[in-house]
N, C-alpha and C. Protein backbone atom coordinates (compact mmCIF):
# COMPACT_ATOMS: atom_id res chain seq x y z
N MET A 1 24.62 2.80 2.53
CA MET A 1 23.96 1.72 1.82
C MET A 1 22.73 2.28 1.14
N GLY A 2 22.60 2.12 -0.17
CA GLY A 2 21.49 2.66 -0.94
C GLY A 2 20.31 1.72 -0.98
N THR A 3 19.19 2.26 -1.42
CA THR A 3 17.97 1.46 -1.55
C THR A 3 17.92 0.86 -2.95
N ASP A 4 17.62 -0.39 -3.05
CA ASP A 4 17.48 -1.06 -4.34
C ASP A 4 16.17 -0.61 -4.96
N ARG A 5 16.23 0.05 -6.11
CA ARG A 5 15.03 0.59 -6.75
C ARG A 5 14.03 -0.50 -7.14
N LYS A 6 14.50 -1.70 -7.37
CA LYS A 6 13.59 -2.79 -7.72
C LYS A 6 12.69 -3.15 -6.55
N LEU A 7 13.17 -2.91 -5.34
CA LEU A 7 12.41 -3.24 -4.15
C LEU A 7 11.71 -2.02 -3.55
N SER A 8 12.04 -0.84 -4.04
CA SER A 8 11.54 0.39 -3.45
C SER A 8 10.35 0.94 -4.23
N GLU A 9 9.36 1.41 -3.48
CA GLU A 9 8.17 1.99 -4.10
C GLU A 9 7.59 3.03 -3.15
N GLU A 10 7.43 4.26 -3.62
CA GLU A 10 6.86 5.31 -2.79
C GLU A 10 5.42 4.97 -2.41
N ASN A 11 5.09 5.15 -1.14
CA ASN A 11 3.71 4.97 -0.72
C ASN A 11 3.43 5.82 0.52
N TRP A 12 2.17 6.01 0.79
CA TRP A 12 1.73 6.78 1.94
C TRP A 12 0.95 5.89 2.91
N LEU A 13 1.30 4.62 2.98
CA LEU A 13 0.59 3.70 3.85
C LEU A 13 0.69 4.10 5.31
N TYR A 14 1.86 4.50 5.76
CA TYR A 14 2.04 4.91 7.15
C TYR A 14 1.09 6.05 7.51
N GLU A 15 1.06 7.07 6.67
CA GLU A 15 0.20 8.23 6.94
C GLU A 15 -1.28 7.85 6.95
N LYS A 16 -1.68 7.03 6.00
CA LYS A 16 -3.09 6.62 5.92
C LYS A 16 -3.46 5.74 7.11
N ARG A 17 -2.56 4.86 7.52
CA ARG A 17 -2.81 4.00 8.67
C ARG A 17 -2.96 4.81 9.94
N ARG A 18 -2.06 5.77 10.14
CA ARG A 18 -2.12 6.62 11.33
C ARG A 18 -3.38 7.47 11.32
N ALA A 19 -3.76 8.00 10.17
CA ALA A 19 -4.98 8.81 10.06
C ALA A 19 -6.22 7.98 10.39
N ALA A 20 -6.16 6.68 10.09
CA ALA A 20 -7.29 5.79 10.39
C ALA A 20 -7.26 5.34 11.85
N GLY A 21 -6.21 5.71 12.59
CA GLY A 21 -6.11 5.35 13.99
C GLY A 21 -5.79 3.88 14.22
N LEU A 22 -5.09 3.26 13.28
CA LEU A 22 -4.77 1.84 13.38
C LEU A 22 -3.30 1.61 13.69
N THR A 23 -3.03 0.57 14.46
CA THR A 23 -1.65 0.12 14.63
C THR A 23 -1.29 -0.76 13.45
N GLN A 24 -0.01 -1.06 13.32
CA GLN A 24 0.40 -1.98 12.26
C GLN A 24 -0.28 -3.34 12.44
N GLY A 25 -0.39 -3.80 13.67
CA GLY A 25 -1.02 -5.08 13.95
C GLY A 25 -2.50 -5.10 13.58
N GLU A 26 -3.19 -4.02 13.88
CA GLU A 26 -4.62 -3.95 13.54
C GLU A 26 -4.82 -3.95 12.03
N LEU A 27 -3.99 -3.19 11.32
CA LEU A 27 -4.10 -3.16 9.87
C LEU A 27 -3.77 -4.53 9.28
N ALA A 28 -2.73 -5.15 9.78
CA ALA A 28 -2.35 -6.48 9.29
C ALA A 28 -3.50 -7.47 9.48
N HIS A 29 -4.13 -7.43 10.64
CA HIS A 29 -5.25 -8.33 10.92
C HIS A 29 -6.43 -8.06 9.97
N ARG A 30 -6.79 -6.81 9.81
CA ARG A 30 -7.91 -6.46 8.92
C ARG A 30 -7.65 -6.84 7.48
N ALA A 31 -6.39 -6.68 7.05
CA ALA A 31 -6.03 -6.93 5.65
C ALA A 31 -5.64 -8.40 5.41
N ARG A 32 -5.54 -9.17 6.49
CA ARG A 32 -5.12 -10.57 6.38
C ARG A 32 -3.73 -10.69 5.75
N VAL A 33 -2.82 -9.88 6.24
CA VAL A 33 -1.41 -9.96 5.83
C VAL A 33 -0.55 -10.01 7.09
N GLY A 34 0.69 -10.38 6.94
CA GLY A 34 1.59 -10.46 8.09
C GLY A 34 1.99 -9.09 8.60
N LEU A 35 2.24 -9.02 9.91
CA LEU A 35 2.68 -7.78 10.53
C LEU A 35 3.99 -7.28 9.91
N ARG A 36 4.90 -8.19 9.64
CA ARG A 36 6.17 -7.81 9.04
C ARG A 36 5.96 -7.18 7.66
N ALA A 37 4.95 -7.66 6.93
CA ALA A 37 4.66 -7.10 5.61
C ALA A 37 4.28 -5.63 5.71
N ILE A 38 3.50 -5.28 6.73
CA ILE A 38 3.11 -3.88 6.91
C ILE A 38 4.35 -3.02 7.13
N SER A 39 5.23 -3.48 7.98
CA SER A 39 6.46 -2.75 8.25
C SER A 39 7.29 -2.57 6.98
N TYR A 40 7.47 -3.65 6.23
CA TYR A 40 8.25 -3.57 5.00
C TYR A 40 7.62 -2.60 4.00
N ILE A 41 6.32 -2.70 3.82
CA ILE A 41 5.64 -1.85 2.84
C ILE A 41 5.72 -0.38 3.26
N GLU A 42 5.53 -0.10 4.55
CA GLU A 42 5.65 1.28 5.04
C GLU A 42 7.05 1.83 4.83
N ASN A 43 8.02 0.96 4.77
CA ASN A 43 9.40 1.39 4.53
C ASN A 43 9.77 1.38 3.06
N GLY A 44 8.77 1.22 2.19
CA GLY A 44 9.01 1.38 0.77
C GLY A 44 9.14 0.11 -0.05
N TRP A 45 9.03 -1.05 0.57
CA TRP A 45 9.14 -2.29 -0.20
C TRP A 45 7.92 -2.43 -1.11
N ARG A 46 8.14 -3.00 -2.27
CA ARG A 46 7.04 -3.24 -3.21
C ARG A 46 6.17 -4.39 -2.72
N CYS A 47 4.92 -4.37 -3.19
CA CYS A 47 4.03 -5.49 -2.90
C CYS A 47 3.11 -5.71 -4.09
N ARG A 48 2.50 -6.88 -4.12
CA ARG A 48 1.61 -7.23 -5.24
C ARG A 48 0.33 -6.42 -5.19
N ARG A 49 -0.32 -6.33 -6.32
CA ARG A 49 -1.58 -5.59 -6.44
C ARG A 49 -2.64 -6.15 -5.49
N GLU A 50 -2.68 -7.46 -5.30
CA GLU A 50 -3.66 -8.06 -4.40
C GLU A 50 -3.46 -7.58 -2.96
N ILE A 51 -2.22 -7.46 -2.54
CA ILE A 51 -1.93 -6.95 -1.19
C ILE A 51 -2.35 -5.49 -1.09
N LYS A 52 -2.09 -4.72 -2.13
CA LYS A 52 -2.52 -3.32 -2.14
C LYS A 52 -4.03 -3.23 -2.01
N ARG A 53 -4.75 -4.10 -2.71
CA ARG A 53 -6.21 -4.09 -2.64
C ARG A 53 -6.67 -4.39 -1.22
N ARG A 54 -6.07 -5.39 -0.59
CA ARG A 54 -6.44 -5.74 0.78
C ARG A 54 -6.19 -4.59 1.75
N LEU A 55 -5.03 -3.95 1.61
CA LEU A 55 -4.68 -2.85 2.50
C LEU A 55 -5.62 -1.66 2.32
N ILE A 56 -5.91 -1.32 1.08
CA ILE A 56 -6.80 -0.20 0.81
C ILE A 56 -8.19 -0.48 1.39
N ASN A 57 -8.70 -1.66 1.17
CA ASN A 57 -10.01 -2.01 1.73
C ASN A 57 -9.99 -2.01 3.26
N ALA A 58 -8.90 -2.49 3.86
CA ALA A 58 -8.78 -2.52 5.32
C ALA A 58 -8.73 -1.12 5.92
N LEU A 59 -8.26 -0.16 5.13
CA LEU A 59 -8.22 1.23 5.57
C LEU A 59 -9.56 1.94 5.39
N GLY A 60 -10.53 1.24 4.84
CA GLY A 60 -11.84 1.84 4.61
C GLY A 60 -11.92 2.63 3.33
N LEU A 61 -10.92 2.45 2.46
CA LEU A 61 -10.91 3.12 1.17
C LEU A 61 -11.46 2.17 0.12
N LYS A 62 -11.62 2.65 -1.10
CA LYS A 62 -12.17 1.83 -2.19
C LYS A 62 -11.09 1.55 -3.22
N PHE A 63 -11.01 0.30 -3.63
CA PHE A 63 -10.06 -0.11 -4.68
C PHE A 63 -10.84 -0.28 -5.98
N PRO A 64 -10.36 0.20 -7.12
CA PRO A 64 -9.07 0.86 -7.36
C PRO A 64 -9.13 2.37 -7.24
N ARG A 65 -10.32 2.93 -6.97
CA ARG A 65 -10.48 4.38 -6.94
C ARG A 65 -9.43 5.07 -6.07
N ASP A 66 -9.16 4.55 -4.89
CA ASP A 66 -8.24 5.19 -3.96
C ASP A 66 -6.82 4.64 -4.00
N LEU A 67 -6.51 3.85 -5.01
CA LEU A 67 -5.18 3.26 -5.12
C LEU A 67 -4.09 4.33 -5.11
N THR A 68 -4.28 5.40 -5.86
CA THR A 68 -3.24 6.43 -5.92
C THR A 68 -3.19 7.30 -4.67
N ALA A 69 -4.19 7.19 -3.79
CA ALA A 69 -4.13 7.91 -2.51
C ALA A 69 -3.06 7.31 -1.60
N VAL A 70 -2.74 6.04 -1.82
CA VAL A 70 -1.73 5.36 -1.02
C VAL A 70 -0.45 5.14 -1.83
N TRP A 71 -0.60 4.75 -3.09
CA TRP A 71 0.53 4.51 -3.99
C TRP A 71 0.43 5.46 -5.17
N PRO A 72 1.01 6.67 -5.06
CA PRO A 72 0.88 7.67 -6.13
C PRO A 72 1.45 7.24 -7.47
N THR A 73 2.43 6.37 -7.48
CA THR A 73 3.03 5.94 -8.74
C THR A 73 2.12 5.02 -9.53
N GLU A 74 1.05 4.52 -8.93
CA GLU A 74 0.11 3.65 -9.63
C GLU A 74 -0.71 4.42 -10.66
N ALA A 75 -0.69 5.72 -10.63
CA ALA A 75 -1.49 6.53 -11.57
C ALA A 75 -1.12 6.20 -13.01
N ARG A 76 0.15 5.93 -13.26
CA ARG A 76 0.57 5.64 -14.63
C ARG A 76 -0.07 4.36 -15.15
N TYR A 77 -0.35 3.40 -14.27
CA TYR A 77 -0.97 2.16 -14.69
C TYR A 77 -2.47 2.32 -14.90
N LEU A 78 -3.10 3.16 -14.08
CA LEU A 78 -4.54 3.39 -14.21
C LEU A 78 -4.87 4.21 -15.45
N GLU A 79 -3.94 5.07 -15.87
CA GLU A 79 -4.17 5.94 -17.02
C GLU A 79 -3.76 5.31 -18.34
N SER A 80 -3.00 4.23 -18.29
CA SER A 80 -2.50 3.60 -19.51
C SER A 80 -3.64 2.94 -20.28
N PRO A 81 -3.72 3.19 -21.59
CA PRO A 81 -4.73 2.51 -22.39
C PRO A 81 -4.38 1.04 -22.52
N ARG A 82 -5.37 0.21 -22.50
CA ARG A 82 -5.16 -1.24 -22.67
C ARG A 82 -5.36 -1.58 -24.12
N GLY A 83 -4.51 -2.43 -24.65
CA GLY A 83 -4.66 -2.74 -26.05
C GLY A 83 -4.17 -4.03 -26.49
């Protein structure tokens, strides 16, 4: 069974969470998101920018500066000129 690319998004949330010494439950509580959401996102499911902001802040990182530290594919959006 393959992964649906529409739902899949590379991220390093698991690694960043473990480096911060947090459980999924602790991160969910700090970010004010559901525990199941943390599990889904760590397994590659996409999430909204607002959820990404909450997670980054809960990890003690700064949004949007550290966005690509967790979601490397976001670099294309940060570098795109607005017009």
